[in-house]
C-alpha atoms as a PDB file:
ATOM      1  CA  MET A   1     116.852 -12.709  15.528  1.00  0.00           C
ATOM      2  CA  TYR A   2     114.199 -15.257  14.443  1.00  0.00           C
ATOM      3  CA  SER A   3     112.428 -17.527  16.861  1.00  0.00           C
ATOM      4  CA  ASN A   4     109.550 -19.976  17.438  1.00  0.00           C
ATOM      5  CA  PRO A   5     109.948 -23.197  15.478  1.00  0.00           C
ATOM      6  CA  ASP A   6     106.128 -23.668  15.565  1.00  0.00           C
ATOM      7  CA  TYR A   7     105.875 -20.671  13.259  1.00  0.00           C
ATOM      8  CA  LYS A   8     108.639 -21.907  11.034  1.00  0.00           C
ATOM      9  CA  CYS A   9     110.985 -19.559  12.763  1.00  0.00           C
ATOM     10  CA  GLN A  10     109.182 -16.562  11.258  1.00  0.00           C
ATOM     11  CA  CYS A  11     108.819 -14.629  14.491  1.00  0.00           C
ATOM     12  CA  HIS A  12     111.169 -11.686  14.839  1.00  0.00           C
ATOM     13  CA  THR A  13     111.877  -8.946  17.308  1.00  0.00           C
ATOM     14  CA  LYS A  14     112.503  -6.292  14.655  1.00  0.00           C
ATOM     15  CA  TYR A  15     108.706  -5.754  14.423  1.00  0.00           C
ATOM     16  CA  CYS A  16     108.415  -5.182  18.142  1.00  0.00           C
ATOM     17  CA  ASN A  17     107.573  -1.786  19.509  1.00  0.00           C
ATOM     18  CA  GLY A  18     109.149  -1.042  22.886  1.00  0.00           C
ATOM     19  CA  ASP A  19     111.585  -2.916  25.016  1.00  0.00           C
ATOM     20  CA  LYS A  20     109.038  -5.475  26.153  1.00  0.00           C
ATOM     21  CA  CYS A  21     107.563  -6.032  22.659  1.00  0.00           C
ATOM     22  CA  ASN A  22     103.971  -5.453  23.763  1.00  0.00           C
ATOM     23  CA  ILE A  23     102.848  -4.283  20.330  1.00  0.00           C
ATOM     24  CA  CYS A  24     103.909  -4.951  16.741  1.00  0.00           C
ATOM     25  CA  THR A  25     104.601  -2.229  14.219  1.00  0.00           C
ATOM     26  CA  ASN A  26     102.871  -4.167  11.389  1.00  0.00           C
ATOM     27  CA  ILE A  27      99.190  -5.245  11.572  1.00  0.00           C
ATOM     28  CA  THR A  28      99.999  -8.442   9.750  1.00  0.00           C
ATOM     29  CA  TYR A  29     101.964  -9.532  12.830  1.00  0.00           C
ATOM     30  CA  PHE A  30     100.854 -10.281  16.336  1.00  0.00           C
ATOM     31  CA  VAL A  31     102.715 -10.323  19.625  1.00  0.00           C
ATOM     32  CA  HIS A  32     103.584 -13.843  20.649  1.00  0.00           C
ATOM     33  CA  GLU A  33     103.128 -14.009  24.406  1.00  0.00           C
ATOM     34  CA  GLY A  34     106.207 -15.138  26.277  1.00  0.00           C
ATOM     35  CA  LEU A  35     108.518 -14.926  23.294  1.00  0.00           C
ATOM     36  CA  ASN A  36     108.889 -11.157  23.167  1.00  0.00           C
ATOM     37  CA  SER A  37     108.672 -11.262  19.410  1.00  0.00           C
ATOM     38  CA  CYS A  38     106.146 -10.537  16.627  1.00  0.00           C
ATOM     39  CA  CYS A  39     104.862 -13.499  14.599  1.00  0.00           C
ATOM     40  CA  PRO A  40     103.095 -13.251  11.230  1.00  0.00           C
ATOM     41  CA  CYS A  41      99.288 -13.666  11.103  1.00  0.00           C
ATOM     42  CA  SER A  42      97.953 -16.861   9.507  1.00  0.00           C
ATOM     43  CA  SER A  43      97.619 -16.738   5.740  1.00  0.00           C
ATOM     44  CA  SER A  44      94.090 -18.045   6.233  1.00  0.00           C
ATOM     45  CA  CYS A  45      93.115 -14.712   7.785  1.00  0.00           C
ATOM     46  CA  LYS A  46      91.633 -12.358   5.261  1.00  0.00           C
ATOM     47  CA  ASN A  47      94.259  -9.885   4.148  1.00  0.00           C
ATOM     48  CA  ALA A  48      96.492 -11.571   6.742  1.00  0.00           C
ATOM     49  CA  ILE A  49      95.229  -9.282   9.494  1.00  0.00           C
ATOM     50  CA  CYS A  50      94.878 -10.593  13.038  1.00  0.00           C
ATOM     51  CA  SER A  51      94.957  -9.491  16.633  1.00  0.00           C
ATOM     52  CA  SER A  52      96.461 -12.672  18.033  1.00  0.00           C
ATOM     53  CA  GLN A  53      97.399 -16.175  17.175  1.00  0.00           C
ATOM     54  CA  PHE A  54      93.758 -17.221  17.650  1.00  0.00           C
ATOM     55  CA  GLN A  55      91.808 -14.330  16.209  1.00  0.00           C
ATOM     56  CA  CYS A  56      91.614 -13.090  12.612  1.00  0.00           C
ATOM     57  CA  LEU A  57      90.190  -9.546  12.531  1.00  0.00           C
ATOM     58  CA  ASN A  58      88.733  -9.361   8.973  1.00  0.00           C
ATOM     59  CA  GLY A  59      87.404 -12.896   8.689  1.00  0.00           C
ATOM     60  CA  CYS A  60      88.815 -15.781   6.712  1.00  0.00           C
ATOM     61  CA  GLU A  61      89.968 -16.333   3.204  1.00  0.00           C
ATOM     62  CA  ASN A  62      87.519 -18.274   1.015  1.00  0.00           C
ATOM     63  CA  GLY A  63      87.250 -21.887   1.988  1.00  0.00           C
ATOM     64  CA  MET A  64      88.283 -21.391   5.617  1.00  0.00           C
ATOM     65  CA  TYR A  65      86.409 -20.750   8.822  1.00  0.00           C
ATOM     66  CA  GLY A  66      86.948 -20.550  12.600  1.00  0.00           C
ATOM     67  CA  ASN A  67      88.291 -17.733  14.773  1.00  0.00           C
ATOM     68  CA  ASP A  68      91.799 -18.369  13.570  1.00  0.00           C
ATOM     69  CA  CYS A  69      90.562 -19.508  10.117  1.00  0.00           C
ATOM     70  CA  SER A  70      92.280 -22.832  10.471  1.00  0.00           C
ATOM     71  CA  LYS A  71      89.318 -25.011   9.360  1.00  0.00           C
ATOM     72  CA  LYS A  72      88.187 -25.767   5.811  1.00  0.00           C
ATOM     73  CA  CYS A  73      84.625 -25.180   4.569  1.00  0.00           C
ATOM     74  CA  SER A  74      84.984 -28.149   2.246  1.00  0.00           C
ATOM     75  CA  ASP A  75      85.272 -30.363   5.298  1.00  0.00           C
ATOM     76  CA  ILE A  76      81.559 -29.653   5.854  1.00  0.00           C
ATOM     77  CA  ASP A  77      80.406 -29.474   2.204  1.00  0.00           C
ATOM     78  CA  ARG A  78      82.757 -30.345  -0.613  1.00  0.00           C
ATOM     79  CA  MET A  79      80.940 -27.967  -3.019  1.00  0.00           C
ATOM     80  CA  CYS A  80      81.315 -25.003  -0.685  1.00  0.00           C
ATOM     81  CA  LEU A  81      83.753 -22.249  -1.645  1.00  0.00           C
ATOM     82  CA  SER A  82      83.209 -19.974   1.355  1.00  0.00           C
ATOM     83  CA  CYS A  83      81.353 -20.220   4.615  1.00  0.00           C
ATOM     84  CA  SER A  84      80.527 -18.383   7.801  1.00  0.00           C
ATOM     85  CA  GLN A  85      83.567 -17.820  10.020  1.00  0.00           C
ATOM     86  CA  ASP A  86      81.616 -18.717  13.141  1.00  0.00           C
ATOM     87  CA  THR A  87      79.407 -21.648  12.062  1.00  0.00           C
ATOM     88  CA  GLY A  88      81.004 -22.938   8.875  1.00  0.00           C
ATOM     89  CA  ARG A  89      77.656 -22.812   7.029  1.00  0.00           C
ATOM     90  CA  CYS A  90      78.177 -22.278   3.357  1.00  0.00           C
ATOM     91  CA  THR A  91      77.662 -18.819   1.845  1.00  0.00           C
ATOM     92  CA  HIS A  92      78.915 -19.498  -1.685  1.00  0.00           C
ATOM     93  CA  CYS A  93      79.072 -22.694  -3.698  1.00  0.00           C
ATOM     94  CA  THR A  94      81.017 -23.792  -6.723  1.00  0.00           C
ATOM     95  CA  ASN A  95      79.586 -23.413 -10.268  1.00  0.00           C
ATOM     96  CA  GLY A  96      76.256 -25.170 -10.768  1.00  0.00           C
ATOM     97  CA  PHE A  97      75.364 -25.055  -7.075  1.00  0.00           C
ATOM     98  CA  TYR A  98      73.973 -22.578  -4.583  1.00  0.00           C
ATOM     99  CA  PRO A  99      73.267 -22.553  -0.804  1.00  0.00           C
ATOM    100  CA  ASP A 100      69.735 -23.744  -0.042  1.00  0.00           C
ATOM    101  CA  VAL A 101      67.680 -22.675   2.995  1.00  0.00           C
ATOM    102  CA  TYR A 102      69.803 -24.939   5.173  1.00  0.00           C
ATOM    103  CA  ARG A 103      72.982 -23.426   3.712  1.00  0.00           C
ATOM    104  CA  ASN A 104      73.889 -26.674   2.039  1.00  0.00           C
ATOM    105  CA  CYS A 105      75.073 -26.551  -1.553  1.00  0.00           C
ATOM    106  CA  SER A 106      72.258 -27.618  -3.922  1.00  0.00           C
ATOM    107  CA  ALA A 107      72.279 -27.901  -7.693  1.00  0.00           C
ATOM    108  CA  CYS A 108      70.889 -24.949  -9.678  1.00  0.00           C
ATOM    109  CA  LYS A 109      67.280 -25.291 -10.736  1.00  0.00           C
ATOM    110  CA  ALA A 110      66.750 -27.327 -13.880  1.00  0.00           C
ATOM    111  CA  THR A 111      64.523 -24.486 -15.132  1.00  0.00           C
ATOM    112  CA  CYS A 112      67.598 -22.222 -15.425  1.00  0.00           C
ATOM    113  CA  ILE A 113      68.983 -21.937 -18.949  1.00  0.00           C
ATOM    114  CA  ASP A 114      72.116 -24.116 -19.206  1.00  0.00           C
ATOM    115  CA  ASP A 115      71.709 -24.922 -15.487  1.00  0.00           C
ATOM    116  CA  LYS A 116      73.632 -21.747 -14.665  1.00  0.00           C
ATOM    117  CA  CYS A 117      72.915 -19.863 -11.464  1.00  0.00           C
ATOM    118  CA  GLU A 118      74.672 -17.532  -9.043  1.00  0.00           C
ATOM    119  CA  GLY A 119      76.643 -19.502  -6.462  1.00  0.00           C
ATOM    120  CA  SER A 120      75.461 -17.295  -3.600  1.00  0.00           C
ATOM    121  CA  SER A 121      71.731 -16.790  -4.344  1.00  0.00           C
ATOM    122  CA  GLY A 122      70.728 -19.422  -6.919  1.00  0.00           C
ATOM    123  CA  ARG A 123      69.464 -16.744  -9.308  1.00  0.00           C
ATOM    124  CA  CYS A 124      69.462 -18.063 -12.863  1.00  0.00           C
ATOM    125  CA  ILE A 125      72.213 -16.224 -14.733  1.00  0.00           C
ATOM    126  CA  LYS A 126      70.944 -16.652 -18.307  1.00  0.00           C
ATOM    127  CA  GLY A 127      67.234 -16.573 -17.526  1.00  0.00           C
ATOM    128  CA  CYS A 128      64.503 -19.199 -17.480  1.00  0.00           C
ATOM    129  CA  ILE A 129      63.544 -21.882 -19.930  1.00  0.00           C
ATOM    130  CA  ASP A 130      60.121 -21.447 -21.581  1.00  0.00           C
ATOM    131  CA  GLY A 131      57.202 -21.693 -19.209  1.00  0.00           C
ATOM    132  CA  ASN A 132      58.924 -20.529 -16.012  1.00  0.00           C
ATOM    133  CA  TRP A 133      59.621 -17.295 -14.178  1.00  0.00           C
ATOM    134  CA  GLY A 134      61.098 -15.977 -10.910  1.00  0.00           C
ATOM    135  CA  ASN A 135      64.651 -15.359  -9.650  1.00  0.00           C
ATOM    136  CA  GLN A 136      65.391 -19.052  -9.588  1.00  0.00           C
ATOM    137  CA  CYS A 137      62.811 -19.809 -12.325  1.00  0.00           C
ATOM    138  CA  GLU A 138      60.931 -21.832  -9.735  1.00  0.00           C
ATOM    139  CA  ASP A 139      57.452 -20.586 -10.703  1.00  0.00           C
ATOM    140  CA  SER A 140      55.439 -21.807 -13.683  1.00  0.00           C
ATOM    141  CA  CYS A 141      53.831 -19.475 -16.213  1.00  0.00           C
ATOM    142  CA  ASP A 142      50.099 -19.783 -16.859  1.00  0.00           C
ATOM    143  CA  ILE A 143      49.236 -22.911 -18.795  1.00  0.00           C
ATOM    144  CA  LEU A 144      48.517 -20.955 -22.003  1.00  0.00           C
ATOM    145  CA  CYS A 145      51.809 -19.008 -21.856  1.00  0.00           C
ATOM    146  CA  ARG A 146      54.838 -20.094 -23.821  1.00  0.00           C
ATOM    147  CA  THR A 147      57.082 -17.572 -22.074  1.00  0.00           C
ATOM    148  CA  CYS A 148      56.358 -14.998 -19.395  1.00  0.00           C
ATOM    149  CA  GLU A 149      57.975 -11.942 -17.842  1.00  0.00           C
ATOM    150  CA  ARG A 150      60.585 -13.078 -15.335  1.00  0.00           C
ATOM    151  CA  MET A 151      59.597 -10.802 -12.451  1.00  0.00           C
ATOM    152  CA  THR A 152      55.788 -10.565 -12.833  1.00  0.00           C
ATOM    153  CA  GLY A 153      54.827 -13.797 -14.574  1.00  0.00           C
ATOM    154  CA  GLU A 154      52.762 -12.006 -17.242  1.00  0.00           C
ATOM    155  CA  CYS A 155      52.794 -13.720 -20.607  1.00  0.00           C
ATOM    156  CA  ILE A 156      55.105 -12.364 -23.300  1.00  0.00           C
ATOM    157  CA  GLY A 157      54.364 -15.244 -25.669  1.00  0.00           C
ATOM    158  CA  CYS A 158      51.442 -17.653 -26.037  1.00  0.00           C
ATOM    159  CA  ILE A 159      51.474 -21.351 -26.853  1.00  0.00           C
ATOM    160  CA  HIS A 160      49.261 -20.666 -29.895  1.00  0.00           C
ATOM    161  CA  PRO A 161      49.334 -17.675 -32.289  1.00  0.00           C
ATOM    162  CA  SER A 162      45.544 -17.288 -32.064  1.00  0.00           C
ATOM    163  CA  LEU A 163      45.761 -16.274 -28.375  1.00  0.00           C
ATOM    164  CA  TYR A 164      46.845 -13.000 -26.792  1.00  0.00           C
ATOM    165  CA  GLY A 165      46.704 -10.950 -23.575  1.00  0.00           C
ATOM    166  CA  PRO A 166      48.730 -10.902 -20.316  1.00  0.00           C
ATOM    167  CA  TYR A 167      47.501 -14.421 -19.519  1.00  0.00           C
ATOM    168  CA  CYS A 168      46.922 -15.643 -23.109  1.00  0.00           C
ATOM    169  CA  ASN A 169      43.243 -16.153 -22.310  1.00  0.00           C
ATOM    170  CA  LEU A 170      41.892 -13.961 -25.131  1.00  0.00           C
ATOM    171  CA  SER A 171      41.215 -15.121 -28.691  1.00  0.00           C
ATOM    172  CA  CYS A 172      42.396 -13.212 -31.747  1.00  0.00           C
ATOM    173  CA  SER A 173      39.701 -11.888 -34.069  1.00  0.00           C
ATOM    174  CA  SER A 174      38.394 -14.399 -36.593  1.00  0.00           C
ATOM    175  CA  ASN A 175      38.727 -11.580 -39.126  1.00  0.00           C
ATOM    176  CA  CYS A 176      42.535 -11.856 -38.907  1.00  0.00           C
ATOM    177  CA  ILE A 177      44.196 -14.025 -41.523  1.00  0.00           C
ATOM    178  CA  SER A 178      44.660 -17.470 -39.945  1.00  0.00           C
ATOM    179  CA  SER A 179      43.270 -15.864 -36.740  1.00  0.00           C
ATOM    180  CA  GLU A 180      46.819 -14.859 -35.776  1.00  0.00           C
ATOM    181  CA  CYS A 181      47.605 -11.722 -33.762  1.00  0.00           C
ATOM    182  CA  ASP A 182      50.295 -10.228 -31.529  1.00  0.00           C
ATOM    183  CA  MET A 183      50.137  -9.939 -27.738  1.00  0.00           C
ATOM    184  CA  ASP A 184      47.985  -6.783 -28.052  1.00  0.00           C
ATOM    185  CA  GLY A 185      45.426  -8.453 -30.329  1.00  0.00           C
ATOM    186  CA  ASP A 186      46.543  -6.736 -33.553  1.00  0.00           C
ATOM    187  CA  CYS A 187      46.454  -8.996 -36.610  1.00  0.00           C
ATOM    188  CA  LEU A 188      49.945 -10.193 -37.539  1.00  0.00           C
ATOM    189  CA  ILE A 189      49.479 -11.127 -41.197  1.00  0.00           C
ATOM    190  CA  GLY A 190      46.561  -8.846 -42.115  1.00  0.00           C
ATOM    191  CA  CYS A 191      42.781  -8.941 -42.486  1.00  0.00           C
ATOM    192  CA  SER A 192      40.629 -11.566 -44.159  1.00  0.00           C
ATOM    193  CA  ASP A 193      38.795 -10.588 -47.336  1.00  0.00           C
ATOM    194  CA  GLY A 194      36.051  -8.064 -46.678  1.00  0.00           C
ATOM    195  CA  TYR A 195      37.475  -6.639 -43.442  1.00  0.00           C
ATOM    196  CA  THR A 196      39.652  -3.663 -42.642  1.00  0.00           C
ATOM    197  CA  GLY A 197      40.771  -1.314 -39.866  1.00  0.00           C
ATOM    198  CA  VAL A 198      42.710  -1.838 -36.632  1.00  0.00           C
ATOM    199  CA  GLY A 199      42.081  -5.361 -35.459  1.00  0.00           C
ATOM    200  CA  CYS A 200      40.167  -6.004 -38.721  1.00  0.00           C
ATOM    201  CA  LYS A 201      36.948  -5.099 -36.903  1.00  0.00           C
ATOM    202  CA  TYR A 202      35.175  -3.339 -39.761  1.00  0.00           C
ATOM    203  CA  GLN A 203      33.471  -4.921 -42.724  1.00  0.00           C
ATOM    204  CA  ALA A 204      34.342  -3.192 -45.968  1.00  0.00           C
ATOM    205  CA  SER A 205      32.298  -2.982 -49.204  1.00  0.00           C
ATOM    206  CA  ALA A 206      33.713  -3.747 -52.646  1.00  0.00           C
ATOM    207  CA  SER A 207      34.546  -0.062 -53.126  1.00  0.00           C
ATOM    208  CA  GLY A 208      36.357   0.034 -49.831  1.00  0.00           C
ATOM    209  CA  VAL A 209      33.669   2.084 -48.063  1.00  0.00           C
ATOM    210  CA  ASN A 210      32.950   0.970 -44.574  1.00  0.00           C
ATOM    211  CA  VAL A 211      29.668  -0.944 -44.703  1.00  0.00           C
ATOM    212  CA  GLY A 212      28.964  -0.286 -41.079  1.00  0.00           C
ATOM    213  CA  LEU A 213      29.218   3.463 -41.606  1.00  0.00           C
ATOM    214  CA  THR A 214      26.981   3.325 -44.707  1.00  0.00           C
ATOM    215  CA  ALA A 215      24.363   1.307 -42.869  1.00  0.00           C
ATOM    216  CA  GLY A 216      24.411   3.798 -40.007  1.00  0.00           C
ATOM    217  CA  VAL A 217      23.821   6.730 -42.376  1.00  0.00           C
ATOM    218  CA  GLY A 218      20.929   4.810 -44.004  1.00  0.00           C
ATOM    219  CA  VAL A 219      19.249   4.213 -40.656  1.00  0.00           C
ATOM    220  CA  ILE A 220      19.523   7.895 -39.759  1.00  0.00           C
ATOM    221  CA  GLY A 221      18.018   8.908 -43.126  1.00  0.00           C
ATOM    222  CA  LEU A 222      15.115   6.475 -42.718  1.00  0.00           C
ATOM    223  CA  SER A 223      14.381   7.778 -39.229  1.00  0.00           C
ATOM    224  CA  ILE A 224      14.250  11.375 -40.467  1.00  0.00           C
ATOM    225  CA  GLY A 225      11.888  10.356 -43.301  1.00  0.00           C
ATOM    226  CA  LEU A 226       9.501   8.603 -40.914  1.00  0.00           C
ATOM    227  CA  VAL A 227       9.390  11.579 -38.578  1.00  0.00           C
ATOM    228  CA  ALA A 228       8.625  13.939 -41.506  1.00  0.00           C
ATOM    229  CA  ALA A 229       5.823  11.651 -42.755  1.00  0.00           C
ATOM    230  CA  LEU A 230       4.260  11.477 -39.299  1.00  0.00           C
ATOM    231  CA  ILE A 231       4.267  15.263 -38.957  1.00  0.00           C
ATOM    232  CA  THR A 232       2.588  15.607 -42.396  1.00  0.00           C
ATOM    233  CA  VAL A 233      -0.217  13.198 -41.431  1.00  0.00           C
ATOM    234  CA  ILE A 234      -0.885  15.070 -38.172  1.00  0.00           C
ATOM    235  CA  ILE A 235      -1.089  18.424 -39.993  1.00  0.00           C
ATOM    236  CA  ARG A 236      -3.553  17.079 -42.603  1.00  0.00           C
ATOM    237  CA  ARG A 237      -5.846  15.608 -39.963  1.00  0.00           C
ATOM    238  CA  ARG A 238      -5.965  18.884 -38.066  1.00  0.00           C
ATOM    239  CA  ARG A 239      -6.833  20.777 -41.264  1.00  0.00           C
ATOM    240  CA  ARG A 240      -9.716  18.396 -42.057  1.00  0.00           C
ATOM    241  CA  ARG A 241     -11.188  18.784 -38.575  1.00  0.00           C
ATOM    242  CA  GLY A 242     -10.960  22.555 -38.829  1.00  0.00           C
ATOM    243  CA  LYS A 243     -12.779  22.554 -42.202  1.00  0.00           C
ATOM    244  CA  LYS A 244     -15.677  20.389 -40.956  1.00  0.00           C
ATOM    245  CA  HIS A 245     -16.172  22.660 -37.980  1.00  0.00           C
ATOM    246  CA  SER A 246     -16.271  25.759 -40.196  1.00  0.00           C
ATOM    247  CA  ASP A 247     -18.890  24.224 -42.581  1.00  0.00           C
ATOM    248  CA  ALA A 248     -21.197  23.384 -39.677  1.00  0.00           C
ATOM    249  CA  VAL A 249     -21.078  26.937 -38.362  1.00  0.00           C
ATOM    250  CA  VAL A 250     -21.846  28.462 -41.792  1.00  0.00           C
ATOM    251  CA  GLU A 251     -25.018  26.347 -42.403  1.00  0.00           C
ATOM    252  CA  GLY A 252     -26.318  27.099 -38.910  1.00  0.00           C
ATOM    253  CA  GLN A 253     -26.368  23.443 -38.004  1.00  0.00           C
ATOM    254  CA  ARG A 254     -24.530  21.421 -35.517  1.00  0.00           C
ATOM    255  CA  PRO A 255     -24.340  17.666 -35.289  1.00  0.00           C
ATOM    256  CA  PHE A 256     -27.033  16.318 -32.993  1.00  0.00           C
ATOM    257  CA  GLU A 257     -27.013  13.209 -30.909  1.00  0.00           C
ATOM    258  CA  THR A 258     -29.354  10.416 -31.849  1.00  0.00           C
ATOM    259  CA  SER A 259     -31.325   8.937 -29.021  1.00  0.00           C
ATOM    260  CA  PRO A 260     -31.241   5.179 -29.101  1.00  0.00           C
ATOM    261  CA  SER A 261     -34.856   5.142 -27.727  1.00  0.00           C
ATOM    262  CA  ILE A 262     -36.141   6.904 -30.908  1.00  0.00           C
ATOM    263  CA  THR A 263     -34.004   5.484 -33.685  1.00  0.00           C
ATOM    264  CA  ASP A 264     -33.976   1.949 -32.473  1.00  0.00           C
ATOM    265  CA  GLY A 265     -37.329   0.303 -33.141  1.00  0.00           C
ATOM    266  CA  HIS A 266     -36.544  -2.716 -31.065  1.00  0.00           C
ATOM    267  CA  THR A 267     -35.795  -0.534 -28.056  1.00  0.00           C
ATOM    268  CA  MET A 268     -39.196   1.219 -28.373  1.00  0.00           C
ATOM    269  CA  TYR A 269     -41.026  -2.079 -28.663  1.00  0.00           C
ATOM    270  CA  ASP A 270     -39.325  -3.350 -25.531  1.00  0.00           C
ATOM    271  CA  GLU A 271     -40.488  -0.254 -23.610  1.00  0.00           C
ATOM    272  CA  LEU A 272     -44.110  -0.688 -24.766  1.00  0.00           C
ATOM    273  CA  ASP A 273     -44.021  -4.384 -24.048  1.00  0.00           C
ATOM    274  CA  LYS A 274     -42.930  -3.675 -20.483  1.00  0.00           C
ATOM    275  CA  LYS A 275     -45.996  -1.449 -19.967  1.00  0.00           C
ATOM    276  CA  GLN A 276     -48.434  -4.049 -21.263  1.00  0.00           C
ATOM    277  CA  ILE A 277     -47.117  -7.253 -19.729  1.00  0.00           C
ATOM    278  CA  GLY A 278     -49.866  -9.828 -19.497  1.00  0.00           C
ATOM    279  CA  ILE A 279     -52.236  -8.096 -22.003  1.00  0.00           C
ATOM    280  CA  PRO A 280     -52.897 -10.170 -25.135  1.00  0.00           C
ATOM    281  CA  GLN A 281     -51.885  -8.419 -28.279  1.00  0.00           C
ATOM    282  CA  ASP A 282     -52.945  -8.743 -31.846  1.00  0.00           C
ATOM    283  CA  GLY A 283     -50.359 -10.046 -34.247  1.00  0.00           C
ATOM    284  CA  GLN A 284     -51.346  -7.486 -36.862  1.00  0.00           C
ATOM    285  CA  GLN A 285     -51.038  -4.653 -34.428  1.00  0.00           C
ATOM    286  CA  TYR A 286     -47.580  -5.914 -33.531  1.00  0.00           C
ATOM    287  CA  GLU A 287     -46.559  -5.655 -37.121  1.00  0.00           C
ATOM    288  CA  ILE A 288     -47.972  -2.132 -37.393  1.00  0.00           C
ATOM    289  CA  ILE A 289     -46.112  -1.002 -34.299  1.00  0.00           C
ATOM    290  CA  GLN A 290     -42.941  -2.694 -35.402  1.00  0.00           C
ATOM    291  CA  SER A 291     -43.255  -1.052 -38.786  1.00  0.00           C
ATOM    292  CA  SER A 292     -44.078   2.346 -37.378  1.00  0.00           C
ATOM    293  CA  THR A 293     -41.132   2.211 -35.042  1.00  0.00           C
ATOM    294  CA  SER A 294     -38.544   1.308 -37.647  1.00  0.00           C
ATOM    295  CA  PRO A 295     -35.571   3.656 -37.983  1.00  0.00           C
ATOM    296  CA  VAL A 296     -36.427   6.879 -39.836  1.00  0.00           C
ATOM    297  CA  ASP A 297     -34.530   9.798 -41.175  1.00  0.00           C
ATOM    298  CA  ILE A 298     -34.683  12.563 -38.625  1.00  0.00           C
ATOM    299  CA  LYS A 299     -34.866  16.090 -39.933  1.00  0.00           C
ATOM    300  CA  GLN A 300     -35.234  18.054 -36.732  1.00  0.00           C
ATOM    301  CA  VAL A 301     -34.548  17.301 -33.137  1.00  0.00           C
ATOM    302  CA  GLY A 302     -38.138  18.245 -32.193  1.00  0.00           C
ATOM    303  CA  GLU A 303     -39.702  15.472 -34.338  1.00  0.00           C
ATOM    304  CA  GLU A 304     -38.633  12.897 -31.769  1.00  0.00           C
ATOM    305  CA  GLU A 305     -41.506  13.684 -29.391  1.00  0.00           C
ATOM    306  CA  ASP A 306     -44.192  13.656 -32.186  1.00  0.00           C
ATOM    307  CA  LEU A 307     -43.051  10.262 -33.462  1.00  0.00           C
ATOM    308  CA  LYS A 308     -43.230   8.740 -30.001  1.00  0.00           C
ATOM    309  CA  SER A 309     -46.709  10.234 -29.282  1.00  0.00           C
ATOM    310  CA  THR A 310     -48.148   8.898 -32.569  1.00  0.00           C
ATOM    311  CA  ALA A 311     -46.889   5.411 -31.910  1.00  0.00           C
ATOM    312  CA  ASP A 312     -48.442   5.381 -28.434  1.00  0.00           C
ATOM    313  CA  ASN A 313     -51.869   6.597 -29.684  1.00  0.00           C
ATOM    314  CA  GLU A 314     -52.089   3.975 -32.432  1.00  0.00           C
ATOM    315  CA  TYR A 315     -51.288   1.237 -29.978  1.00  0.00           C
ATOM    316  CA  TYR A 316     -53.883   2.266 -27.372  1.00  0.00           C
ATOM    317  CA  ASN A 317     -56.647   2.979 -29.955  1.00  0.00           C
ATOM    318  CA  GLU A 318     -56.331  -0.486 -31.356  1.00  0.00           C
ATOM    319  CA  LEU A 319     -56.776  -1.926 -27.870  1.00  0.00           C
END
């Protein structure tokens, strides 16, 4: 009942369907042409399913490739565990290796912790060593980062405790003890003497009162005082002006303008001198005129004309 020495005499007619054995009752067998018997599929076929002696239907078991899965992946790359059925290019490598862009098995990146990576993708299994990020830890964190977030590259630890921020490019406040802060800029150990508040931004007095707040209140109080003083001065000046105006009205007088031609003796002399250019003048007369035209106390506005007329007559009479 068994046949075909090439198949180790494993072919058998009991799996045949029909008199001519044109189909097998079990999918793990195939019809052997010319032998009228069903032979078992190659163990290299995945799940031992095939359609013929030369064609595995579900691909190959790991480490094998080809239509009939008769070839070994390790014949192409000794580190390869499984490969493409058609081309034999590696799809999964042994521990410590992964398929590169050319589908050759390459060692896991040295930036992977313990050099462990997935054999199919190269993704670091345990994460990245300090200073690197990415699936394969192939990218470097910013120079000031000690460690960074694996998928974004943002810093989660700085190389120095006095730095903070997503790229460790910000300095902790000098008001922090030892200038140390966390990644958000908050002081780790506390504030230096004389400072308080979040981030130790505020200067505190001996009594614990915020000096900045006290100074602000003082400035506001000073401003109010200056405004009040200015208003008082304005009111007093207006009252004095009002009083002077009232006194002038009561006495029946009003301030009069003083003509510079009357009160200024030098101005009068200049006018007379212009009229008599070229006429010799007596030195004594000059003194009289100069004396008579000296500034005087003016009682009434009308006395201006009399004073001028007298000065003119004395001058011409002398001539």
